[in-house]
């Protein structure tokens, strides 16, 4: 949720709470798995999300999710990272 708000509002992360109401995240589980992104898009019709994943073994990028909604007002590109030897995963916004 925070990474999406970072794309919509250019403020410090501490300021994002006041914008939480802009996103419909009903029935979504956090931390959000990639398989839920399409549901997020269905619930937020002005936002499209693309997700890339960096594979440590091959040192290459894989498309985890490519949005079919390329004409939406807000297009957000994310990179999904994971911690080595851990199940923790984290999204960061791709800005260029």
PDB file of N, CA and C in Angstrom:
ATOM      1  N   UNK A   1       0.824  -1.186   0.000  1.00  0.00           N
ATOM      2  CA  UNK A   1       0.000   0.000   0.000  1.00  0.00           C
ATOM      3  C   UNK A   1       0.876   1.261   0.000  1.00  0.00           C
ATOM      4  N   UNK A   2       1.924   1.243   0.819  1.00  0.00           N
ATOM      5  CA  UNK A   2       2.773   2.436   0.923  1.00  0.00           C
ATOM      6  C   UNK A   2       3.500   2.718  -0.394  1.00  0.00           C
ATOM      7  N   UNK A   3       3.936   1.690  -1.079  1.00  0.00           N
ATOM      8  CA  UNK A   3       4.664   1.907  -2.325  1.00  0.00           C
ATOM      9  C   UNK A   3       3.739   2.475  -3.400  1.00  0.00           C
ATOM     10  N   UNK A   4       2.482   2.095  -3.397  1.00  0.00           N
ATOM     11  CA  UNK A   4       1.518   2.673  -4.347  1.00  0.00           C
ATOM     12  C   UNK A   4       1.289   4.137  -4.004  1.00  0.00           C
ATOM     13  N   UNK A   5       1.119   4.438  -2.735  1.00  0.00           N
ATOM     14  CA  UNK A   5       0.931   5.834  -2.324  1.00  0.00           C
ATOM     15  C   UNK A   5       2.153   6.682  -2.646  1.00  0.00           C
ATOM     16  N   UNK A   6       3.336   6.084  -2.618  1.00  0.00           N
ATOM     17  CA  UNK A   6       4.540   6.844  -2.977  1.00  0.00           C
ATOM     18  C   UNK A   6       4.519   7.268  -4.441  1.00  0.00           C
ATOM     19  N   UNK A   7       3.854   6.496  -5.277  1.00  0.00           N
ATOM     20  CA  UNK A   7       3.735   6.851  -6.694  1.00  0.00           C
ATOM     21  C   UNK A   7       2.685   7.935  -6.917  1.00  0.00           C
ATOM     22  N   UNK A   8       1.688   7.963  -6.065  1.00  0.00           N
ATOM     23  CA  UNK A   8       0.601   8.931  -6.216  1.00  0.00           C
ATOM     24  C   UNK A   8       0.885  10.264  -5.537  1.00  0.00           C
ATOM     25  N   UNK A   9       1.703  10.231  -4.487  1.00  0.00           N
ATOM     26  CA  UNK A   9       1.970  11.433  -3.699  1.00  0.00           C
ATOM     27  C   UNK A   9       3.465  11.547  -3.431  1.00  0.00           C
ATOM     28  N   UNK A  10       4.037  12.630  -3.811  1.00  0.00           N
ATOM     29  CA  UNK A  10       5.490  12.837  -3.654  1.00  0.00           C
ATOM     30  C   UNK A  10       5.781  13.474  -2.294  1.00  0.00           C
ATOM     31  N   UNK A  11       5.575  12.699  -1.255  1.00  0.00           N
ATOM     32  CA  UNK A  11       5.823  13.178   0.098  1.00  0.00           C
ATOM     33  C   UNK A  11       6.629  12.134   0.851  1.00  0.00           C
ATOM     34  N   UNK A  12       7.015  12.466   2.055  1.00  0.00           N
ATOM     35  CA  UNK A  12       7.716  11.511   2.903  1.00  0.00           C
ATOM     36  C   UNK A  12       6.760  10.400   3.321  1.00  0.00           C
ATOM     37  N   UNK A  13       7.296   9.219   3.515  1.00  0.00           N
ATOM     38  CA  UNK A  13       6.471   8.064   3.878  1.00  0.00           C
ATOM     39  C   UNK A  13       5.650   8.329   5.143  1.00  0.00           C
ATOM     40  N   UNK A  14       6.147   9.128   6.039  1.00  0.00           N
ATOM     41  CA  UNK A  14       5.403   9.439   7.270  1.00  0.00           C
ATOM     42  C   UNK A  14       4.110  10.203   6.982  1.00  0.00           C
ATOM     43  N   UNK A  15       3.993  10.772   5.792  1.00  0.00           N
ATOM     44  CA  UNK A  15       2.804  11.541   5.423  1.00  0.00           C
ATOM     45  C   UNK A  15       1.737  10.707   4.714  1.00  0.00           C
ATOM     46  N   UNK A  16       2.033   9.466   4.370  1.00  0.00           N
ATOM     47  CA  UNK A  16       1.119   8.658   3.556  1.00  0.00           C
ATOM     48  C   UNK A  16      -0.151   8.234   4.278  1.00  0.00           C
ATOM     49  N   UNK A  17      -0.124   8.171   5.590  1.00  0.00           N
ATOM     50  CA  UNK A  17      -1.314   7.738   6.326  1.00  0.00           C
ATOM     51  C   UNK A  17      -2.542   8.571   5.986  1.00  0.00           C
ATOM     52  N   UNK A  18      -2.358   9.847   5.743  1.00  0.00           N
ATOM     53  CA  UNK A  18      -3.513  10.705   5.448  1.00  0.00           C
ATOM     54  C   UNK A  18      -4.135  10.388   4.085  1.00  0.00           C
ATOM     55  N   UNK A  19      -3.456   9.593   3.257  1.00  0.00           N
ATOM     56  CA  UNK A  19      -3.970   9.230   1.938  1.00  0.00           C
ATOM     57  C   UNK A  19      -4.479   7.793   1.871  1.00  0.00           C
ATOM     58  N   UNK A  20      -4.376   7.051   2.960  1.00  0.00           N
ATOM     59  CA  UNK A  20      -4.793   5.642   2.962  1.00  0.00           C
ATOM     60  C   UNK A  20      -6.209   5.450   2.428  1.00  0.00           C
ATOM     61  N   UNK A  21      -7.097   6.353   2.743  1.00  0.00           N
ATOM     62  CA  UNK A  21      -8.497   6.237   2.332  1.00  0.00           C
ATOM     63  C   UNK A  21      -8.682   6.254   0.813  1.00  0.00           C
ATOM     64  N   UNK A  22      -7.677   6.700   0.066  1.00  0.00           N
ATOM     65  CA  UNK A  22      -7.771   6.767  -1.391  1.00  0.00           C
ATOM     66  C   UNK A  22      -7.701   5.392  -2.048  1.00  0.00           C
ATOM     67  N   UNK A  23      -7.168   4.422  -1.343  1.00  0.00           N
ATOM     68  CA  UNK A  23      -7.008   3.081  -1.903  1.00  0.00           C
ATOM     69  C   UNK A  23      -8.039   2.133  -1.305  1.00  0.00           C
ATOM     70  N   UNK A  24      -8.640   1.343  -2.160  1.00  0.00           N
ATOM     71  CA  UNK A  24      -9.562   0.310  -1.700  1.00  0.00           C
ATOM     72  C   UNK A  24      -8.747  -0.973  -1.522  1.00  0.00           C
ATOM     73  N   UNK A  25      -8.519  -1.348  -0.288  1.00  0.00           N
ATOM     74  CA  UNK A  25      -7.735  -2.545   0.008  1.00  0.00           C
ATOM     75  C   UNK A  25      -8.572  -3.580   0.783  1.00  0.00           C
ATOM     76  N   UNK A  26      -9.884  -3.456   0.655  1.00  0.00           N
ATOM     77  CA  UNK A  26     -10.772  -4.413   1.328  1.00  0.00           C
ATOM     78  C   UNK A  26     -10.472  -5.828   0.855  1.00  0.00           C
ATOM     79  N   UNK A  27     -10.470  -6.739   1.792  1.00  0.00           N
ATOM     80  CA  UNK A  27     -10.269  -8.174   1.536  1.00  0.00           C
ATOM     81  C   UNK A  27      -8.906  -8.514   0.916  1.00  0.00           C
ATOM     82  N   UNK A  28      -7.972  -7.595   1.015  1.00  0.00           N
ATOM     83  CA  UNK A  28      -6.603  -7.883   0.568  1.00  0.00           C
ATOM     84  C   UNK A  28      -5.754  -8.176   1.796  1.00  0.00           C
ATOM     85  N   UNK A  29      -4.861  -9.108   1.654  1.00  0.00           N
ATOM     86  CA  UNK A  29      -4.016  -9.521   2.769  1.00  0.00           C
ATOM     87  C   UNK A  29      -2.642  -8.870   2.616  1.00  0.00           C
ATOM     88  N   UNK A  30      -2.116  -8.367   3.733  1.00  0.00           N
ATOM     89  CA  UNK A  30      -0.794  -7.745   3.730  1.00  0.00           C
ATOM     90  C   UNK A  30       0.152  -8.528   4.607  1.00  0.00           C
ATOM     91  N   UNK A  31       1.400  -8.664   4.224  1.00  0.00           N
ATOM     92  CA  UNK A  31       1.989  -8.114   3.006  1.00  0.00           C
ATOM     93  C   UNK A  31       1.380  -8.773   1.770  1.00  0.00           C
ATOM     94  N   UNK A  32       1.145  -7.958   0.757  1.00  0.00           N
ATOM     95  CA  UNK A  32       0.444  -8.404  -0.432  1.00  0.00           C
ATOM     96  C   UNK A  32       1.318  -9.303  -1.301  1.00  0.00           C
ATOM     97  N   UNK A  33       0.756 -10.419  -1.693  1.00  0.00           N
ATOM     98  CA  UNK A  33       1.440 -11.307  -2.621  1.00  0.00           C
ATOM     99  C   UNK A  33       1.127 -10.863  -4.041  1.00  0.00           C
ATOM    100  N   UNK A  34       2.006 -11.174  -4.955  1.00  0.00           N
ATOM    101  CA  UNK A  34       1.839 -10.758  -6.351  1.00  0.00           C
ATOM    102  C   UNK A  34       0.514 -11.242  -6.928  1.00  0.00           C
ATOM    103  N   UNK A  35       0.063 -12.408  -6.511  1.00  0.00           N
ATOM    104  CA  UNK A  35      -1.184 -12.945  -7.051  1.00  0.00           C
ATOM    105  C   UNK A  35      -2.404 -12.087  -6.679  1.00  0.00           C
ATOM    106  N   UNK A  36      -2.264 -11.174  -5.736  1.00  0.00           N
ATOM    107  CA  UNK A  36      -3.364 -10.293  -5.349  1.00  0.00           C
ATOM    108  C   UNK A  36      -3.375  -8.971  -6.130  1.00  0.00           C
ATOM    109  N   UNK A  37      -2.372  -8.707  -6.931  1.00  0.00           N
ATOM    110  CA  UNK A  37      -2.268  -7.419  -7.619  1.00  0.00           C
ATOM    111  C   UNK A  37      -3.453  -7.195  -8.551  1.00  0.00           C
ATOM    112  N   UNK A  38      -3.886  -8.206  -9.266  1.00  0.00           N
ATOM    113  CA  UNK A  38      -5.031  -8.027 -10.168  1.00  0.00           C
ATOM    114  C   UNK A  38      -6.292  -7.668  -9.386  1.00  0.00           C
ATOM    115  N   UNK A  39      -6.462  -8.238  -8.205  1.00  0.00           N
ATOM    116  CA  UNK A  39      -7.608  -7.888  -7.363  1.00  0.00           C
ATOM    117  C   UNK A  39      -7.490  -6.437  -6.898  1.00  0.00           C
ATOM    118  N   UNK A  40      -6.281  -6.027  -6.525  1.00  0.00           N
ATOM    119  CA  UNK A  40      -6.046  -4.627  -6.154  1.00  0.00           C
ATOM    120  C   UNK A  40      -6.441  -3.713  -7.313  1.00  0.00           C
ATOM    121  N   UNK A  41      -6.043  -4.058  -8.528  1.00  0.00           N
ATOM    122  CA  UNK A  41      -6.390  -3.243  -9.699  1.00  0.00           C
ATOM    123  C   UNK A  41      -7.900  -3.200  -9.923  1.00  0.00           C
ATOM    124  N   UNK A  42      -8.571  -4.308  -9.736  1.00  0.00           N
ATOM    125  CA  UNK A  42     -10.029  -4.336  -9.883  1.00  0.00           C
ATOM    126  C   UNK A  42     -10.698  -3.386  -8.899  1.00  0.00           C
ATOM    127  N   UNK A  43     -10.153  -3.311  -7.700  1.00  0.00           N
ATOM    128  CA  UNK A  43     -10.718  -2.465  -6.658  1.00  0.00           C
ATOM    129  C   UNK A  43     -10.278  -1.004  -6.767  1.00  0.00           C
ATOM    130  N   UNK A  44      -9.271  -0.732  -7.593  1.00  0.00           N
ATOM    131  CA  UNK A  44      -8.735   0.621  -7.756  1.00  0.00           C
ATOM    132  C   UNK A  44      -8.597   0.906  -9.249  1.00  0.00           C
ATOM    133  N   UNK A  45      -9.708   1.261  -9.912  1.00  0.00           N
ATOM    134  CA  UNK A  45      -9.754   1.324 -11.379  1.00  0.00           C
ATOM    135  C   UNK A  45      -8.942   2.430 -12.054  1.00  0.00           C
ATOM    136  N   UNK A  46      -8.279   3.285 -11.302  1.00  0.00           N
ATOM    137  CA  UNK A  46      -7.424   4.296 -11.935  1.00  0.00           C
ATOM    138  C   UNK A  46      -5.951   3.921 -11.860  1.00  0.00           C
ATOM    139  N   UNK A  47      -5.650   2.759 -11.252  1.00  0.00           N
ATOM    140  CA  UNK A  47      -4.255   2.371 -11.019  1.00  0.00           C
ATOM    141  C   UNK A  47      -3.944   1.052 -11.716  1.00  0.00           C
ATOM    142  N   UNK A  48      -2.825   1.029 -12.436  1.00  0.00           N
ATOM    143  CA  UNK A  48      -2.304  -0.232 -12.974  1.00  0.00           C
ATOM    144  C   UNK A  48      -0.947  -0.485 -12.336  1.00  0.00           C
ATOM    145  N   UNK A  49      -0.627  -1.753 -12.150  1.00  0.00           N
ATOM    146  CA  UNK A  49       0.600  -2.124 -11.455  1.00  0.00           C
ATOM    147  C   UNK A  49       1.331  -3.202 -12.261  1.00  0.00           C
ATOM    148  N   UNK A  50       2.619  -2.998 -12.448  1.00  0.00           N
ATOM    149  CA  UNK A  50       3.497  -4.003 -13.041  1.00  0.00           C
ATOM    150  C   UNK A  50       4.524  -4.385 -11.993  1.00  0.00           C
ATOM    151  N   UNK A  51       4.870  -5.676 -11.938  1.00  0.00           N
ATOM    152  CA  UNK A  51       5.818  -6.146 -10.930  1.00  0.00           C
ATOM    153  C   UNK A  51       6.940  -6.938 -11.601  1.00  0.00           C
ATOM    154  N   UNK A  52       8.172  -6.512 -11.343  1.00  0.00           N
ATOM    155  CA  UNK A  52       9.359  -7.258 -11.757  1.00  0.00           C
ATOM    156  C   UNK A  52       9.970  -7.892 -10.526  1.00  0.00           C
ATOM    157  N   UNK A  53      10.670  -8.993 -10.748  1.00  0.00           N
ATOM    158  CA  UNK A  53      11.346  -9.692  -9.654  1.00  0.00           C
ATOM    159  C   UNK A  53      12.798  -9.918 -10.038  1.00  0.00           C
ATOM    160  N   UNK A  54      13.696  -9.636  -9.111  1.00  0.00           N
ATOM    161  CA  UNK A  54      15.119  -9.871  -9.354  1.00  0.00           C
ATOM    162  C   UNK A  54      15.485 -11.256  -8.837  1.00  0.00           C
ATOM    163  N   UNK A  55      15.957 -12.104  -9.746  1.00  0.00           N
ATOM    164  CA  UNK A  55      16.344 -13.460  -9.372  1.00  0.00           C
ATOM    165  C   UNK A  55      17.832 -13.494  -9.038  1.00  0.00           C
ATOM    166  N   UNK A  56      18.110 -13.816  -7.798  1.00  0.00           N
ATOM    167  CA  UNK A  56      19.499 -13.840  -7.333  1.00  0.00           C
ATOM    168  C   UNK A  56      20.374 -14.815  -8.104  1.00  0.00           C
ATOM    169  N   UNK A  57      19.856 -16.007  -8.329  1.00  0.00           N
ATOM    170  CA  UNK A  57      20.658 -17.059  -8.968  1.00  0.00           C
ATOM    171  C   UNK A  57      21.114 -16.671 -10.366  1.00  0.00           C
ATOM    172  N   UNK A  58      20.191 -16.144 -11.158  1.00  0.00           N
ATOM    173  CA  UNK A  58      20.516 -15.819 -12.551  1.00  0.00           C
ATOM    174  C   UNK A  58      20.950 -14.368 -12.724  1.00  0.00           C
ATOM    175  N   UNK A  59      20.744 -13.558 -11.683  1.00  0.00           N
ATOM    176  CA  UNK A  59      21.036 -12.117 -11.743  1.00  0.00           C
ATOM    177  C   UNK A  59      20.279 -11.460 -12.911  1.00  0.00           C
ATOM    178  N   UNK A  60      19.025 -11.847 -13.025  1.00  0.00           N
ATOM    179  CA  UNK A  60      18.189 -11.360 -14.111  1.00  0.00           C
ATOM    180  C   UNK A  60      16.825 -10.972 -13.547  1.00  0.00           C
ATOM    181  N   UNK A  61      16.061 -10.256 -14.346  1.00  0.00           N
ATOM    182  CA  UNK A  61      14.731  -9.830 -13.944  1.00  0.00           C
ATOM    183  C   UNK A  61      13.673 -10.697 -14.611  1.00  0.00           C
ATOM    184  N   UNK A  62      12.608 -10.956 -13.868  1.00  0.00           N
ATOM    185  CA  UNK A  62      11.474 -11.723 -14.365  1.00  0.00           C
ATOM    186  C   UNK A  62      10.225 -10.873 -14.183  1.00  0.00           C
ATOM    187  N   UNK A  63       9.324 -10.937 -15.146  1.00  0.00           N
ATOM    188  CA  UNK A  63       8.046 -10.247 -14.998  1.00  0.00           C
ATOM    189  C   UNK A  63       7.154 -11.119 -14.128  1.00  0.00           C
ATOM    190  N   UNK A  64       6.851 -10.625 -12.945  1.00  0.00           N
ATOM    191  CA  UNK A  64       5.965 -11.345 -12.020  1.00  0.00           C
ATOM    192  C   UNK A  64       4.509 -11.072 -12.358  1.00  0.00           C
ATOM    193  N   UNK A  65       4.222  -9.827 -12.731  1.00  0.00           N
ATOM    194  CA  UNK A  65       2.856  -9.448 -13.088  1.00  0.00           C
ATOM    195  C   UNK A  65       2.914  -8.291 -14.071  1.00  0.00           C
ATOM    196  N   UNK A  66       2.191  -8.423 -15.179  1.00  0.00           N
ATOM    197  CA  UNK A  66       2.092  -7.358 -16.172  1.00  0.00           C
ATOM    198  C   UNK A  66       0.627  -6.980 -16.285  1.00  0.00           C
ATOM    199  N   UNK A  67       0.336  -5.754 -15.961  1.00  0.00           N
ATOM    200  CA  UNK A  67      -1.047  -5.294 -15.961  1.00  0.00           C
ATOM    201  C   UNK A  67      -1.619  -5.222 -17.370  1.00  0.00           C
ATOM    202  N   UNK A  68      -2.843  -5.658 -17.543  1.00  0.00           N
ATOM    203  CA  UNK A  68      -3.516  -5.480 -18.834  1.00  0.00           C
ATOM    204  C   UNK A  68      -4.119  -4.078 -18.979  1.00  0.00           C
ATOM    205  N   UNK A  69      -4.029  -3.271 -17.929  1.00  0.00           N
ATOM    206  CA  UNK A  69      -4.675  -1.958 -17.884  1.00  0.00           C
ATOM    207  C   UNK A  69      -3.670  -0.836 -18.156  1.00  0.00           C
ATOM    208  N   UNK A  70      -3.104  -0.811 -19.351  1.00  0.00           N
ATOM    209  CA  UNK A  70      -2.029   0.137 -19.661  1.00  0.00           C
ATOM    210  C   UNK A  70      -2.515   1.558 -19.947  1.00  0.00           C
ATOM    211  N   UNK A  71      -3.814   1.797 -19.968  1.00  0.00           N
ATOM    212  CA  UNK A  71      -4.325   3.148 -20.242  1.00  0.00           C
ATOM    213  C   UNK A  71      -4.847   3.856 -18.988  1.00  0.00           C
ATOM    214  N   UNK A  72      -4.633   3.282 -17.851  1.00  0.00           N
ATOM    215  CA  UNK A  72      -5.130   3.904 -16.621  1.00  0.00           C
ATOM    216  C   UNK A  72      -4.329   5.154 -16.267  1.00  0.00           C
ATOM    217  N   UNK A  73      -4.955   6.014 -15.498  1.00  0.00           N
ATOM    218  CA  UNK A  73      -4.346   7.302 -15.134  1.00  0.00           C
ATOM    219  C   UNK A  73      -3.008   7.124 -14.423  1.00  0.00           C
ATOM    220  N   UNK A  74      -2.929   6.184 -13.509  1.00  0.00           N
ATOM    221  CA  UNK A  74      -1.708   5.966 -12.726  1.00  0.00           C
ATOM    222  C   UNK A  74      -1.133   4.596 -13.059  1.00  0.00           C
ATOM    223  N   UNK A  75       0.087   4.597 -13.557  1.00  0.00           N
ATOM    224  CA  UNK A  75       0.788   3.347 -13.839  1.00  0.00           C
ATOM    225  C   UNK A  75       1.971   3.250 -12.881  1.00  0.00           C
ATOM    226  N   UNK A  76       1.996   2.180 -12.118  1.00  0.00           N
ATOM    227  CA  UNK A  76       3.018   2.010 -11.093  1.00  0.00           C
ATOM    228  C   UNK A  76       3.850   0.769 -11.429  1.00  0.00           C
ATOM    229  N   UNK A  77       5.152   0.953 -11.484  1.00  0.00           N
ATOM    230  CA  UNK A  77       6.070  -0.143 -11.743  1.00  0.00           C
ATOM    231  C   UNK A  77       6.828  -0.465 -10.460  1.00  0.00           C
ATOM    232  N   UNK A  78       6.791  -1.738 -10.085  1.00  0.00           N
ATOM    233  CA  UNK A  78       7.398  -2.164  -8.829  1.00  0.00           C
ATOM    234  C   UNK A  78       8.456  -3.227  -9.068  1.00  0.00           C
ATOM    235  N   UNK A  79       9.434  -3.237  -8.182  1.00  0.00           N
ATOM    236  CA  UNK A  79      10.445  -4.272  -8.155  1.00  0.00           C
ATOM    237  C   UNK A  79      10.262  -5.032  -6.854  1.00  0.00           C
ATOM    238  N   UNK A  80      10.117  -6.342  -6.965  1.00  0.00           N
ATOM    239  CA  UNK A  80       9.949  -7.186  -5.790  1.00  0.00           C
ATOM    240  C   UNK A  80      11.307  -7.766  -5.410  1.00  0.00           C
ATOM    241  N   UNK A  81      11.734  -7.454  -4.198  1.00  0.00           N
ATOM    242  CA  UNK A  81      13.022  -7.935  -3.701  1.00  0.00           C
ATOM    243  C   UNK A  81      12.781  -8.890  -2.541  1.00  0.00           C
ATOM    244  N   UNK A  82      13.708  -9.795  -2.348  1.00  0.00           N
ATOM    245  CA  UNK A  82      13.630 -10.643  -1.167  1.00  0.00           C
ATOM    246  C   UNK A  82      14.982 -10.651  -0.469  1.00  0.00           C
ATOM    247  N   UNK A  83      14.922 -10.959   0.804  1.00  0.00           N
ATOM    248  CA  UNK A  83      16.150 -11.024   1.584  1.00  0.00           C
ATOM    249  C   UNK A  83      16.779 -12.395   1.395  1.00  0.00           C
ATOM    250  N   UNK A  84      18.073 -12.408   1.257  1.00  0.00           N
ATOM    251  CA  UNK A  84      18.779 -13.671   1.082  1.00  0.00           C
ATOM    252  C   UNK A  84      18.535 -14.575   2.290  1.00  0.00           C
ATOM    253  N   UNK A  85      18.257 -15.833   2.012  1.00  0.00           N
ATOM    254  CA  UNK A  85      18.010 -16.835   3.066  1.00  0.00           C
ATOM    255  C   UNK A  85      16.836 -16.454   3.970  1.00  0.00           C
ATOM    256  N   UNK A  86      15.814 -15.836   3.368  1.00  0.00           N
ATOM    257  CA  UNK A  86      14.654 -15.423   4.152  1.00  0.00           C
ATOM    258  C   UNK A  86      13.418 -15.457   3.264  1.00  0.00           C
ATOM    259  N   UNK A  87      12.284 -15.548   3.889  1.00  0.00           N
ATOM    260  CA  UNK A  87      11.039 -15.522   3.132  1.00  0.00           C
ATOM    261  C   UNK A  87      10.470 -14.103   3.050  1.00  0.00           C
ATOM    262  N   UNK A  88      11.175 -13.132   3.608  1.00  0.00           N
ATOM    263  CA  UNK A  88      10.699 -11.750   3.582  1.00  0.00           C
ATOM    264  C   UNK A  88      10.858 -11.166   2.188  1.00  0.00           C
ATOM    265  N   UNK A  89       9.778 -10.515   1.731  1.00  0.00           N
ATOM    266  CA  UNK A  89       9.789  -9.880   0.417  1.00  0.00           C
ATOM    267  C   UNK A  89       9.349  -8.432   0.579  1.00  0.00           C
ATOM    268  N   UNK A  90       9.801  -7.588  -0.344  1.00  0.00           N
ATOM    269  CA  UNK A  90       9.568  -6.155  -0.209  1.00  0.00           C
ATOM    270  C   UNK A  90       9.440  -5.536  -1.596  1.00  0.00           C
ATOM    271  N   UNK A  91       8.435  -4.690  -1.778  1.00  0.00           N
ATOM    272  CA  UNK A  91       8.254  -3.969  -3.033  1.00  0.00           C
ATOM    273  C   UNK A  91       8.920  -2.598  -2.953  1.00  0.00           C
ATOM    274  N   UNK A  92       9.587  -2.209  -4.025  1.00  0.00           N
ATOM    275  CA  UNK A  92      10.102  -0.848  -4.160  1.00  0.00           C
ATOM    276  C   UNK A  92       9.628  -0.314  -5.505  1.00  0.00           C
ATOM    277  N   UNK A  93       9.434   0.979  -5.571  1.00  0.00           N
ATOM    278  CA  UNK A  93       8.936   1.590  -6.801  1.00  0.00           C
ATOM    279  C   UNK A  93      10.087   1.833  -7.767  1.00  0.00           C
ATOM    280  N   UNK A  94       9.841   1.523  -9.021  1.00  0.00           N
ATOM    281  CA  UNK A  94      10.799   1.816 -10.074  1.00  0.00           C
ATOM    282  C   UNK A  94      10.443   3.191 -10.619  1.00  0.00           C
ATOM    283  N   UNK A  95      11.400   4.102 -10.566  1.00  0.00           N
ATOM    284  CA  UNK A  95      11.120   5.464 -11.033  1.00  0.00           C
ATOM    285  C   UNK A  95      11.775   5.773 -12.369  1.00  0.00           C
ATOM    286  N   UNK A  96      12.790   5.031 -12.761  1.00  0.00           N
ATOM    287  CA  UNK A  96      13.395   5.253 -14.083  1.00  0.00           C
ATOM    288  C   UNK A  96      14.126   3.999 -14.516  1.00  0.00           C
TER     289      UNK A  96
END
